[in-house]
C-alpha atoms as a PDB file:
ATOM      1  CA  MET A   1     113.564 120.976  92.989  1.00  0.00           C
ATOM      2  CA  PRO A   2     111.297 120.120  96.055  1.00  0.00           C
ATOM      3  CA  ARG A   3     110.302 116.579  96.316  1.00  0.00           C
ATOM      4  CA  THR A   4     106.553 115.910  95.687  1.00  0.00           C
ATOM      5  CA  ALA A   5     104.661 114.391  98.646  1.00  0.00           C
ATOM      6  CA  PHE A   6     101.776 112.606  96.726  1.00  0.00           C
ATOM      7  CA  PHE A   7      99.579 111.873  99.783  1.00  0.00           C
ATOM      8  CA  LYS A   8     100.135 115.227 101.630  1.00  0.00           C
ATOM      9  CA  ASP A   9      96.721 116.605 100.813  1.00  0.00           C
ATOM     10  CA  MET A  10      94.818 113.335 101.216  1.00  0.00           C
ATOM     11  CA  PRO A  11      92.179 113.463 104.033  1.00  0.00           C
ATOM     12  CA  PRO A  12      93.342 111.982 107.402  1.00  0.00           C
ATOM     13  CA  PHE A  13      91.127 108.864 107.285  1.00  0.00           C
ATOM     14  CA  SER A  14      92.244 108.061 103.739  1.00  0.00           C
ATOM     15  CA  LYS A  15      95.826 108.172 104.875  1.00  0.00           C
ATOM     16  CA  LEU A  16      95.131 105.884 107.689  1.00  0.00           C
ATOM     17  CA  MET A  17      93.621 103.330 105.349  1.00  0.00           C
ATOM     18  CA  VAL A  18      96.632 103.735 102.856  1.00  0.00           C
ATOM     19  CA  SER A  19      99.008 103.386 105.782  1.00  0.00           C
ATOM     20  CA  ALA A  20      97.167 100.121 106.955  1.00  0.00           C
ATOM     21  CA  GLY A  21      97.216  98.780 103.222  1.00  0.00           C
ATOM     22  CA  PHE A  22     101.107  99.667 103.064  1.00  0.00           C
ATOM     23  CA  VAL A  23     101.821  98.018 106.288  1.00  0.00           C
ATOM     24  CA  LEU A  24      99.889  94.990 105.498  1.00  0.00           C
ATOM     25  CA  LEU A  25     101.320  94.490 101.907  1.00  0.00           C
ATOM     26  CA  SER A  26     104.848  95.208 103.240  1.00  0.00           C
ATOM     27  CA  MET A  27     104.432  92.683 106.062  1.00  0.00           C
ATOM     28  CA  ILE A  28     103.238  89.853 103.690  1.00  0.00           C
ATOM     29  CA  ILE A  29     106.074  90.601 101.207  1.00  0.00           C
ATOM     30  CA  PHE A  30     108.811  90.548 103.879  1.00  0.00           C
ATOM     31  CA  SER A  31     107.440  87.562 105.651  1.00  0.00           C
ATOM     32  CA  VAL A  32     107.834  85.525 102.366  1.00  0.00           C
ATOM     33  CA  ILE A  33     111.249  87.004 101.821  1.00  0.00           C
ATOM     34  CA  SER A  34     112.426  86.224 105.201  1.00  0.00           C
ATOM     35  CA  LEU A  35     110.959  82.687 105.188  1.00  0.00           C
ATOM     36  CA  GLY A  36     112.687  82.153 101.761  1.00  0.00           C
ATOM     37  CA  LEU A  37     116.076  83.403 103.100  1.00  0.00           C
ATOM     38  CA  ALA A  38     115.774  81.363 106.182  1.00  0.00           C
ATOM     39  CA  MET A  39     115.119  78.286 104.019  1.00  0.00           C
ATOM     40  CA  LEU A  40     118.126  79.135 101.792  1.00  0.00           C
ATOM     41  CA  VAL A  41     120.517  79.999 104.586  1.00  0.00           C
ATOM     42  CA  TYR A  42     119.733  77.313 107.120  1.00  0.00           C
ATOM     43  CA  HIS A  43     118.423  74.530 104.665  1.00  0.00           C
ATOM     44  CA  VAL A  44     115.327  74.104 106.556  1.00  0.00           C
ATOM     45  CA  LYS A  45     112.061  73.198 104.938  1.00  0.00           C
ATOM     46  CA  SER A  46     109.177  75.745 105.197  1.00  0.00           C
ATOM     47  CA  ASP A  47     106.764  73.272 107.079  1.00  0.00           C
ATOM     48  CA  VAL A  48     109.351  72.887 109.660  1.00  0.00           C
ATOM     49  CA  ILE A  49     109.859  76.532 110.244  1.00  0.00           C
ATOM     50  CA  LEU A  50     105.954  77.000 110.020  1.00  0.00           C
ATOM     51  CA  ASP A  51     105.541  74.773 112.987  1.00  0.00           C
ATOM     52  CA  PRO A  52     108.008  76.146 115.370  1.00  0.00           C
ATOM     53  CA  LEU A  53     107.040  74.749 118.783  1.00  0.00           C
ATOM     54  CA  THR A  54     107.114  71.251 117.452  1.00  0.00           C
ATOM     55  CA  ASN A  55     110.337  71.596 115.622  1.00  0.00           C
ATOM     56  CA  ILE A  56     112.114  74.240 117.689  1.00  0.00           C
ATOM     57  CA  LYS A  57     114.956  71.868 118.663  1.00  0.00           C
ATOM     58  CA  LEU A  58     115.825  70.745 115.170  1.00  0.00           C
ATOM     59  CA  PRO A  59     119.219  72.301 113.680  1.00  0.00           C
ATOM     60  CA  GLY A  60     118.634  75.612 112.100  1.00  0.00           C
ATOM     61  CA  VAL A  61     115.028  76.221 113.335  1.00  0.00           C
ATOM     62  CA  LEU A  62     115.572  78.667 116.106  1.00  0.00           C
ATOM     63  CA  ASP A  63     118.404  80.515 113.776  1.00  0.00           C
ATOM     64  CA  SER A  64     115.628  80.737 111.034  1.00  0.00           C
ATOM     65  CA  LEU A  65     112.992  82.152 113.345  1.00  0.00           C
ATOM     66  CA  ASN A  66     115.689  84.813 114.632  1.00  0.00           C
ATOM     67  CA  LEU A  67     116.425  85.678 111.106  1.00  0.00           C
ATOM     68  CA  MET A  68     112.832  85.947 110.050  1.00  0.00           C
ATOM     69  CA  GLN A  69     111.778  87.943 113.056  1.00  0.00           C
ATOM     70  CA  THR A  70     114.687  90.367 112.281  1.00  0.00           C
ATOM     71  CA  ILE A  71     113.728  90.813 108.382  1.00  0.00           C
ATOM     72  CA  SER A  72     110.035  91.008 109.276  1.00  0.00           C
ATOM     73  CA  ALA A  73     110.333  93.645 111.844  1.00  0.00           C
ATOM     74  CA  ILE A  74     112.473  95.965 109.390  1.00  0.00           C
ATOM     75  CA  GLY A  75     109.879  95.149 106.684  1.00  0.00           C
ATOM     76  CA  THR A  76     106.718  95.697 108.557  1.00  0.00           C
ATOM     77  CA  PHE A  77     107.556  98.655 110.564  1.00  0.00           C
ATOM     78  CA  ILE A  78     110.851 100.543 109.516  1.00  0.00           C
ATOM     79  CA  LEU A  79     110.359 100.521 105.854  1.00  0.00           C
ATOM     80  CA  PRO A  80     106.698 101.304 105.633  1.00  0.00           C
ATOM     81  CA  ALA A  81     107.156 104.102 108.205  1.00  0.00           C
ATOM     82  CA  PHE A  82     109.819 105.822 106.017  1.00  0.00           C
ATOM     83  CA  LEU A  83     108.014 105.312 102.681  1.00  0.00           C
ATOM     84  CA  LEU A  84     104.658 106.636 104.313  1.00  0.00           C
ATOM     85  CA  ALA A  85     106.689 109.654 105.570  1.00  0.00           C
ATOM     86  CA  LEU A  86     108.146 110.265 102.244  1.00  0.00           C
ATOM     87  CA  LEU A  87     104.701 110.246 100.377  1.00  0.00           C
ATOM     88  CA  MET A  88     103.000 112.379 103.042  1.00  0.00           C
ATOM     89  CA  SER A  89     105.700 115.161 103.698  1.00  0.00           C
ATOM     90  CA  GLU A  90     108.291 116.981 102.013  1.00  0.00           C
ATOM     91  CA  ASN A  91     110.470 116.562 105.039  1.00  0.00           C
ATOM     92  CA  THR A  92     110.745 113.032 106.207  1.00  0.00           C
ATOM     93  CA  PHE A  93     112.653 113.573 109.392  1.00  0.00           C
ATOM     94  CA  GLU A  94     110.344 116.402 110.616  1.00  0.00           C
ATOM     95  CA  PHE A  95     107.270 114.307 109.622  1.00  0.00           C
ATOM     96  CA  LEU A  96     108.588 111.481 111.986  1.00  0.00           C
ATOM     97  CA  LYS A  97     109.693 113.941 114.644  1.00  0.00           C
ATOM     98  CA  LEU A  98     113.374 112.756 114.246  1.00  0.00           C
ATOM     99  CA  ASN A  99     114.637 116.119 113.614  1.00  0.00           C
ATOM    100  CA  ARG A 100     114.679 117.204 117.109  1.00  0.00           C
ATOM    101  CA  ALA A 101     116.409 115.819 120.341  1.00  0.00           C
ATOM    102  CA  ALA A 102     114.713 115.949 123.768  1.00  0.00           C
ATOM    103  CA  ALA A 103     116.498 117.514 126.776  1.00  0.00           C
ATOM    104  CA  PHE A 104     119.341 115.249 128.301  1.00  0.00           C
ATOM    105  CA  ASN A 105     117.515 115.347 131.495  1.00  0.00           C
ATOM    106  CA  SER A 106     114.459 113.953 129.888  1.00  0.00           C
ATOM    107  CA  PHE A 107     116.393 111.076 128.452  1.00  0.00           C
ATOM    108  CA  LEU A 108     117.807 110.315 131.924  1.00  0.00           C
ATOM    109  CA  LEU A 109     114.438 110.511 133.636  1.00  0.00           C
ATOM    110  CA  VAL A 110     112.683 108.471 131.011  1.00  0.00           C
ATOM    111  CA  SER A 111     115.354 105.737 131.411  1.00  0.00           C
ATOM    112  CA  ILE A 112     114.962 105.635 135.079  1.00  0.00           C
ATOM    113  CA  MET A 113     111.166 105.593 134.936  1.00  0.00           C
ATOM    114  CA  VAL A 114     111.308 102.573 132.558  1.00  0.00           C
ATOM    115  CA  LEU A 115     113.422 100.566 134.909  1.00  0.00           C
ATOM    116  CA  ALA A 116     111.319 101.766 138.036  1.00  0.00           C
ATOM    117  CA  MET A 117     107.948 100.889 136.464  1.00  0.00           C
ATOM    118  CA  LEU A 118     108.791  97.087 136.478  1.00  0.00           C
ATOM    119  CA  PRO A 119     106.815  96.230 139.641  1.00  0.00           C
ATOM    120  CA  PHE A 120     103.746  98.221 138.522  1.00  0.00           C
ATOM    121  CA  ILE A 121     103.827  96.814 135.074  1.00  0.00           C
ATOM    122  CA  ASN A 122     104.165  93.381 136.384  1.00  0.00           C
ATOM    123  CA  TRP A 123     101.178  93.914 138.671  1.00  0.00           C
ATOM    124  CA  LEU A 124      99.004  95.105 135.827  1.00  0.00           C
ATOM    125  CA  ALA A 125     100.125  91.921 133.799  1.00  0.00           C
ATOM    126  CA  GLU A 126      99.094  89.746 136.751  1.00  0.00           C
ATOM    127  CA  LEU A 127      95.574  91.363 136.766  1.00  0.00           C
ATOM    128  CA  ASN A 128      95.316  91.141 133.062  1.00  0.00           C
ATOM    129  CA  GLY A 129      96.279  87.586 133.270  1.00  0.00           C
ATOM    130  CA  ARG A 130      93.304  86.834 135.421  1.00  0.00           C
ATOM    131  CA  MET A 131      90.879  88.043 132.752  1.00  0.00           C
ATOM    132  CA  VAL A 132      87.810  85.628 132.237  1.00  0.00           C
ATOM    133  CA  LEU A 133      85.512  85.984 129.343  1.00  0.00           C
ATOM    134  CA  PRO A 134      81.798  85.347 129.441  1.00  0.00           C
ATOM    135  CA  SER A 135      80.822  81.628 128.970  1.00  0.00           C
ATOM    136  CA  PHE A 136      79.426  82.150 125.563  1.00  0.00           C
ATOM    137  CA  LEU A 137      83.063  83.215 124.543  1.00  0.00           C
ATOM    138  CA  HIS A 138      84.697  80.116 126.088  1.00  0.00           C
ATOM    139  CA  GLY A 139      85.923  79.012 122.844  1.00  0.00           C
ATOM    140  CA  ILE A 140      87.545  82.287 122.117  1.00  0.00           C
ATOM    141  CA  GLU A 141      89.102  82.321 125.626  1.00  0.00           C
ATOM    142  CA  GLN A 142      90.574  78.935 124.959  1.00  0.00           C
ATOM    143  CA  TRP A 143      92.019  79.922 121.750  1.00  0.00           C
ATOM    144  CA  MET A 144      93.636  83.167 123.564  1.00  0.00           C
ATOM    145  CA  ARG A 145      95.011  81.061 126.445  1.00  0.00           C
ATOM    146  CA  LYS A 146      96.545  78.578 123.988  1.00  0.00           C
ATOM    147  CA  SER A 147      97.826  81.572 121.835  1.00  0.00           C
ATOM    148  CA  GLU A 148      99.399  83.056 125.016  1.00  0.00           C
ATOM    149  CA  ASP A 149     100.987  79.764 126.210  1.00  0.00           C
ATOM    150  CA  ASP A 150     102.454  79.186 122.857  1.00  0.00           C
ATOM    151  CA  ASN A 151     104.014  82.653 122.645  1.00  0.00           C
ATOM    152  CA  ALA A 152     105.566  82.296 126.159  1.00  0.00           C
ATOM    153  CA  GLU A 153     107.045  78.673 125.225  1.00  0.00           C
ATOM    154  CA  LEU A 154     108.707  80.175 122.033  1.00  0.00           C
ATOM    155  CA  THR A 155     109.801  83.373 123.807  1.00  0.00           C
ATOM    156  CA  LYS A 156     111.494  80.958 126.356  1.00  0.00           C
ATOM    157  CA  TYR A 157     113.506  79.521 123.472  1.00  0.00           C
ATOM    158  CA  PHE A 158     114.537  83.051 122.295  1.00  0.00           C
ATOM    159  CA  LEU A 159     115.670  84.181 125.540  1.00  0.00           C
ATOM    160  CA  ASP A 160     117.723  81.040 126.235  1.00  0.00           C
ATOM    161  CA  MET A 161     120.840  82.940 126.527  1.00  0.00           C
ATOM    162  CA  HIS A 162     124.136  81.487 127.958  1.00  0.00           C
ATOM    163  CA  THR A 163     126.747  83.853 126.347  1.00  0.00           C
ATOM    164  CA  ARG A 164     127.430  87.651 126.130  1.00  0.00           C
ATOM    165  CA  LYS A 165     127.162  87.304 122.235  1.00  0.00           C
ATOM    166  CA  ALA A 166     123.550  85.733 122.594  1.00  0.00           C
ATOM    167  CA  VAL A 167     122.588  88.804 124.949  1.00  0.00           C
ATOM    168  CA  ILE A 168     123.964  91.294 122.626  1.00  0.00           C
ATOM    169  CA  PHE A 169     122.008  89.729 119.598  1.00  0.00           C
ATOM    170  CA  ASN A 170     118.825  89.710 121.623  1.00  0.00           C
ATOM    171  CA  ILE A 171     119.457  93.181 122.767  1.00  0.00           C
ATOM    172  CA  ILE A 172     119.670  94.141 119.106  1.00  0.00           C
ATOM    173  CA  MET A 173     116.700  91.923 117.882  1.00  0.00           C
ATOM    174  CA  ILE A 174     114.355  92.300 120.823  1.00  0.00           C
ATOM    175  CA  GLY A 175     115.497  95.701 122.036  1.00  0.00           C
ATOM    176  CA  LEU A 176     116.708  97.909 119.397  1.00  0.00           C
ATOM    177  CA  ILE A 177     114.956  96.982 116.179  1.00  0.00           C
ATOM    178  CA  PRO A 178     111.513  96.734 117.486  1.00  0.00           C
ATOM    179  CA  ALA A 179     112.126 100.279 119.664  1.00  0.00           C
ATOM    180  CA  ILE A 180     113.004 101.781 116.325  1.00  0.00           C
ATOM    181  CA  GLY A 181     110.537 100.304 114.145  1.00  0.00           C
ATOM    182  CA  GLU A 182     107.461 100.237 116.268  1.00  0.00           C
ATOM    183  CA  GLU A 183     107.915 103.754 117.448  1.00  0.00           C
ATOM    184  CA  LEU A 184     108.448 104.892 113.996  1.00  0.00           C
ATOM    185  CA  LEU A 185     105.253 103.212 112.692  1.00  0.00           C
ATOM    186  CA  PHE A 186     103.064 103.795 115.619  1.00  0.00           C
ATOM    187  CA  ARG A 187     104.086 107.061 117.225  1.00  0.00           C
ATOM    188  CA  GLY A 188     105.827 108.587 114.167  1.00  0.00           C
ATOM    189  CA  VAL A 189     103.228 107.811 111.767  1.00  0.00           C
ATOM    190  CA  ILE A 190      99.761 106.283 113.130  1.00  0.00           C
ATOM    191  CA  GLN A 191      99.541 108.643 116.122  1.00  0.00           C
ATOM    192  CA  LYS A 192     100.240 111.568 113.796  1.00  0.00           C
ATOM    193  CA  LEU A 193      97.406 110.650 111.362  1.00  0.00           C
ATOM    194  CA  PHE A 194      94.973 109.979 114.194  1.00  0.00           C
ATOM    195  CA  LEU A 195      95.821 113.329 115.573  1.00  0.00           C
ATOM    196  CA  GLU A 196      94.898 114.918 112.191  1.00  0.00           C
ATOM    197  CA  TRP A 197      91.676 113.085 112.033  1.00  0.00           C
ATOM    198  CA  THR A 198      90.358 113.359 115.466  1.00  0.00           C
ATOM    199  CA  ARG A 199      91.993 116.863 116.301  1.00  0.00           C
ATOM    200  CA  ASN A 200      92.511 115.568 119.771  1.00  0.00           C
ATOM    201  CA  LYS A 201      95.875 114.496 121.124  1.00  0.00           C
ATOM    202  CA  HIS A 202      94.411 112.303 123.891  1.00  0.00           C
ATOM    203  CA  ALA A 203      92.203 110.446 121.620  1.00  0.00           C
ATOM    204  CA  ALA A 204      95.264 109.905 119.163  1.00  0.00           C
ATOM    205  CA  ILE A 205      97.458 108.735 121.899  1.00  0.00           C
ATOM    206  CA  PHE A 206      95.004 106.234 123.367  1.00  0.00           C
ATOM    207  CA  ILE A 207      93.785 104.867 120.090  1.00  0.00           C
ATOM    208  CA  THR A 208      97.313 104.474 118.833  1.00  0.00           C
ATOM    209  CA  ALA A 209      98.529 102.685 122.144  1.00  0.00           C
ATOM    210  CA  ALA A 210      95.457 100.350 121.942  1.00  0.00           C
ATOM    211  CA  LEU A 211      96.269  99.382 118.321  1.00  0.00           C
ATOM    212  CA  PHE A 212     100.079  99.185 119.354  1.00  0.00           C
ATOM    213  CA  SER A 213      99.135  96.592 121.936  1.00  0.00           C
ATOM    214  CA  ALA A 214      96.742  94.651 119.990  1.00  0.00           C
ATOM    215  CA  MET A 215      99.404  94.290 117.269  1.00  0.00           C
ATOM    216  CA  HIS A 216     101.437  92.041 119.565  1.00  0.00           C
ATOM    217  CA  LEU A 217      98.576  89.511 119.869  1.00  0.00           C
ATOM    218  CA  GLN A 218      99.300  88.800 123.438  1.00  0.00           C
ATOM    219  CA  PHE A 219      95.912  89.118 124.939  1.00  0.00           C
ATOM    220  CA  TYR A 220      96.855  88.657 128.547  1.00  0.00           C
ATOM    221  CA  GLY A 221      99.445  91.487 128.349  1.00  0.00           C
ATOM    222  CA  PHE A 222      97.305  93.994 126.532  1.00  0.00           C
ATOM    223  CA  ILE A 223      96.724  96.291 129.495  1.00  0.00           C
ATOM    224  CA  PRO A 224     100.298  96.916 130.491  1.00  0.00           C
ATOM    225  CA  ARG A 225     101.482  97.080 126.920  1.00  0.00           C
ATOM    226  CA  MET A 226      98.920  99.637 126.168  1.00  0.00           C
ATOM    227  CA  LEU A 227     100.133 101.831 129.221  1.00  0.00           C
ATOM    228  CA  LEU A 228     103.467 101.660 127.738  1.00  0.00           C
ATOM    229  CA  GLY A 229     102.040 103.001 124.452  1.00  0.00           C
ATOM    230  CA  VAL A 230     100.174 105.707 126.351  1.00  0.00           C
ATOM    231  CA  LEU A 231     103.388 106.890 128.147  1.00  0.00           C
ATOM    232  CA  PHE A 232     105.406 106.860 124.863  1.00  0.00           C
ATOM    233  CA  GLY A 233     102.593 108.792 123.135  1.00  0.00           C
ATOM    234  CA  TYR A 234     102.631 111.429 125.616  1.00  0.00           C
ATOM    235  CA  LEU A 235     106.432 111.627 125.687  1.00  0.00           C
ATOM    236  CA  LEU A 236     106.134 112.537 121.949  1.00  0.00           C
ATOM    237  CA  VAL A 237     103.616 115.100 122.180  1.00  0.00           C
ATOM    238  CA  TRP A 238     105.159 117.026 125.082  1.00  0.00           C
ATOM    239  CA  SER A 239     108.869 116.837 123.685  1.00  0.00           C
ATOM    240  CA  GLY A 240     108.194 116.795 119.986  1.00  0.00           C
ATOM    241  CA  SER A 241     110.913 114.275 119.642  1.00  0.00           C
ATOM    242  CA  LEU A 242     110.394 110.561 118.588  1.00  0.00           C
ATOM    243  CA  TRP A 243     113.854 109.689 120.041  1.00  0.00           C
ATOM    244  CA  LEU A 244     112.408 110.220 123.680  1.00  0.00           C
ATOM    245  CA  PRO A 245     109.759 107.269 123.190  1.00  0.00           C
ATOM    246  CA  ILE A 246     112.368 105.365 121.210  1.00  0.00           C
ATOM    247  CA  LEU A 247     114.821 105.540 124.053  1.00  0.00           C
ATOM    248  CA  GLY A 248     111.928 104.382 126.466  1.00  0.00           C
ATOM    249  CA  HIS A 249     110.959 101.527 124.385  1.00  0.00           C
ATOM    250  CA  PHE A 250     114.653 100.363 123.939  1.00  0.00           C
ATOM    251  CA  VAL A 251     115.218 100.496 127.460  1.00  0.00           C
ATOM    252  CA  ASN A 252     112.105  98.457 128.522  1.00  0.00           C
ATOM    253  CA  ASN A 253     112.876  95.741 126.007  1.00  0.00           C
ATOM    254  CA  ALA A 254     116.753  95.631 126.533  1.00  0.00           C
ATOM    255  CA  SER A 255     116.496  95.679 130.339  1.00  0.00           C
ATOM    256  CA  ALA A 256     114.061  92.707 130.126  1.00  0.00           C
ATOM    257  CA  VAL A 257     116.627  90.707 128.097  1.00  0.00           C
ATOM    258  CA  ILE A 258     119.475  91.466 130.540  1.00  0.00           C
ATOM    259  CA  PHE A 259     117.527  90.679 133.721  1.00  0.00           C
ATOM    260  CA  ILE A 260     116.246  87.456 132.355  1.00  0.00           C
ATOM    261  CA  TYR A 261     119.822  86.613 131.234  1.00  0.00           C
ATOM    262  CA  LEU A 262     121.058  87.373 134.877  1.00  0.00           C
ATOM    263  CA  PHE A 263     118.465  85.377 136.449  1.00  0.00           C
ATOM    264  CA  ARG A 264     118.314  82.269 134.357  1.00  0.00           C
ATOM    265  CA  ASN A 265     122.174  81.932 134.559  1.00  0.00           C
ATOM    266  CA  GLU A 266     121.921  82.387 138.311  1.00  0.00           C
ATOM    267  CA  LEU A 267     123.826  85.541 138.308  1.00  0.00           C
ATOM    268  CA  SER A 268     120.887  87.163 140.157  1.00  0.00           C
ATOM    269  CA  LYS A 269     118.383  85.764 142.484  1.00  0.00           C
ATOM    270  CA  ILE A 270     115.697  88.182 141.358  1.00  0.00           C
ATOM    271  CA  ASP A 271     113.144  86.824 138.862  1.00  0.00           C
ATOM    272  CA  PRO A 272     112.138  89.899 136.752  1.00  0.00           C
ATOM    273  CA  ASP A 273     108.622  88.502 135.873  1.00  0.00           C
ATOM    274  CA  LYS A 274     107.905  88.172 139.700  1.00  0.00           C
ATOM    275  CA  ILE A 275     108.594  91.647 140.836  1.00  0.00           C
ATOM    276  CA  GLY A 276     105.369  93.257 141.935  1.00  0.00           C
ATOM    277  CA  THR A 277     103.300  90.261 141.695  1.00  0.00           C
ATOM    278  CA  GLN A 278     103.880  88.850 145.298  1.00  0.00           C
ATOM    279  CA  THR A 279     101.637  89.544 148.203  1.00  0.00           C
ATOM    280  CA  ASN A 280     104.271  91.541 150.203  1.00  0.00           C
ATOM    281  CA  ASP A 281     105.261  93.647 147.048  1.00  0.00           C
ATOM    282  CA  TRP A 282     102.433  96.099 147.412  1.00  0.00           C
ATOM    283  CA  LEU A 283     104.862  98.935 148.694  1.00  0.00           C
ATOM    284  CA  ALA A 284     107.253  98.414 145.717  1.00  0.00           C
ATOM    285  CA  THR A 285     104.155  98.469 143.243  1.00  0.00           C
ATOM    286  CA  LEU A 286     102.884 101.779 144.969  1.00  0.00           C
ATOM    287  CA  ILE A 287     106.263 103.444 144.668  1.00  0.00           C
ATOM    288  CA  SER A 288     106.522 102.314 141.172  1.00  0.00           C
ATOM    289  CA  CYS A 289     103.323 103.900 140.280  1.00  0.00           C
ATOM    290  CA  ILE A 290     104.197 107.329 142.018  1.00  0.00           C
ATOM    291  CA  LEU A 291     107.477 107.302 140.204  1.00  0.00           C
ATOM    292  CA  ILE A 292     105.881 106.998 136.812  1.00  0.00           C
ATOM    293  CA  ILE A 293     103.465 109.755 137.570  1.00  0.00           C
ATOM    294  CA  GLY A 294     106.178 111.975 139.051  1.00  0.00           C
ATOM    295  CA  ILE A 295     108.710 111.404 136.410  1.00  0.00           C
ATOM    296  CA  MET A 296     106.286 111.898 133.530  1.00  0.00           C
ATOM    297  CA  LEU A 297     104.897 115.259 134.964  1.00  0.00           C
ATOM    298  CA  THR A 298     108.659 116.234 135.509  1.00  0.00           C
ATOM    299  CA  VAL A 299     109.435 115.467 131.883  1.00  0.00           C
ATOM    300  CA  LYS A 300     106.420 117.225 130.563  1.00  0.00           C
ATOM    301  CA  ARG A 301     107.440 120.587 132.565  1.00  0.00           C
ATOM    302  CA  ILE A 302     111.054 120.171 131.263  1.00  0.00           C
ATOM    303  CA  GLU A 303     109.923 119.698 127.563  1.00  0.00           C
ATOM    304  CA  VAL A 304     107.203 122.307 127.539  1.00  0.00           C
ATOM    305  CA  TRP A 305     109.552 124.888 129.241  1.00  0.00           C
ATOM    306  CA  ARG A 306     112.168 123.928 126.665  1.00  0.00           C
ATOM    307  CA  GLY A 307     109.694 124.189 123.743  1.00  0.00           C
ATOM    308  CA  LYS A 308     108.479 127.728 124.729  1.00  0.00           C
ATOM    309  CA  LYS A 309     112.386 128.780 125.292  1.00  0.00           C
ATOM    310  CA  VAL A 310     112.992 127.560 121.670  1.00  0.00           C
ATOM    311  CA  GLU A 311     109.909 129.232 120.435  1.00  0.00           C
ATOM    312  CA  ASN A 312     110.648 132.686 122.005  1.00  0.00           C
ATOM    313  CA  SER A 313     114.205 132.506 120.816  1.00  0.00           C
ATOM    314  CA  GLY A 314     112.754 132.569 117.213  1.00  0.00           C
ATOM    315  CA  ILE A 315     114.423 129.206 116.193  1.00  0.00           C
ATOM    316  CA  VAL A 316     112.197 127.078 114.190  1.00  0.00           C
END
């Protein structure tokens, strides 16, 4: 007997509102669960964990934050995405676009593109960081700057890696889990629902990318993160496979962890955060931009051709 998708025939906007409610509720529940587990496992009081920058060097605090971030990511992104797919479709993997793989050449090209885009992404981040709000929003700007500085300080402790074990852990926590979870929710569910609502793939991609970037609450990295969301959105539309944006997301995050480890442990002289931001880096930034455009268009051609070939063969 086929499974009943209770929300399948619900209007698209209603699906979006239900999805927002599910995600918010799951985030709250798993934040509480993760806090309780951290207190139980590492014997740290809640007020200490909830003021991490003040107490970050106390025993168990950083481990507690790592545990909470991992559990919260699973509870906020992965579980709601699968639950919503179950409620909105009879075929969960087809709904999330997990039932089809992209071409091998596309996987290879996307991996190269993500690595090659670093100068351009850093240049955009540098421009974004110079953003100044009107004087009447000075209070909000101060809050945004402080929030950004606090996030940067906390990230510095997360990425303080001196062993291969620490690198592998961060690749999983910062690279793999967010790549799977955020792509499942944003590209797999939210972008699909915005496409149903707007009936315009470009609008769906850009709106989802803006929400994806805003969710990180890092205001001075909003533009480069939104660009990543846009690129991942088009990769999904062209390939029909969520595995392609998942790979791109993973390579982006995991490579950042590895580059930072190499630089901070003096195994490399290249500061990954500075690539593309120096005055004489304009050529690298230009080449990076050209490679992004060229590779995206190549992947589109590969995947559109592959899709037509599959369609003409009668395979569904």
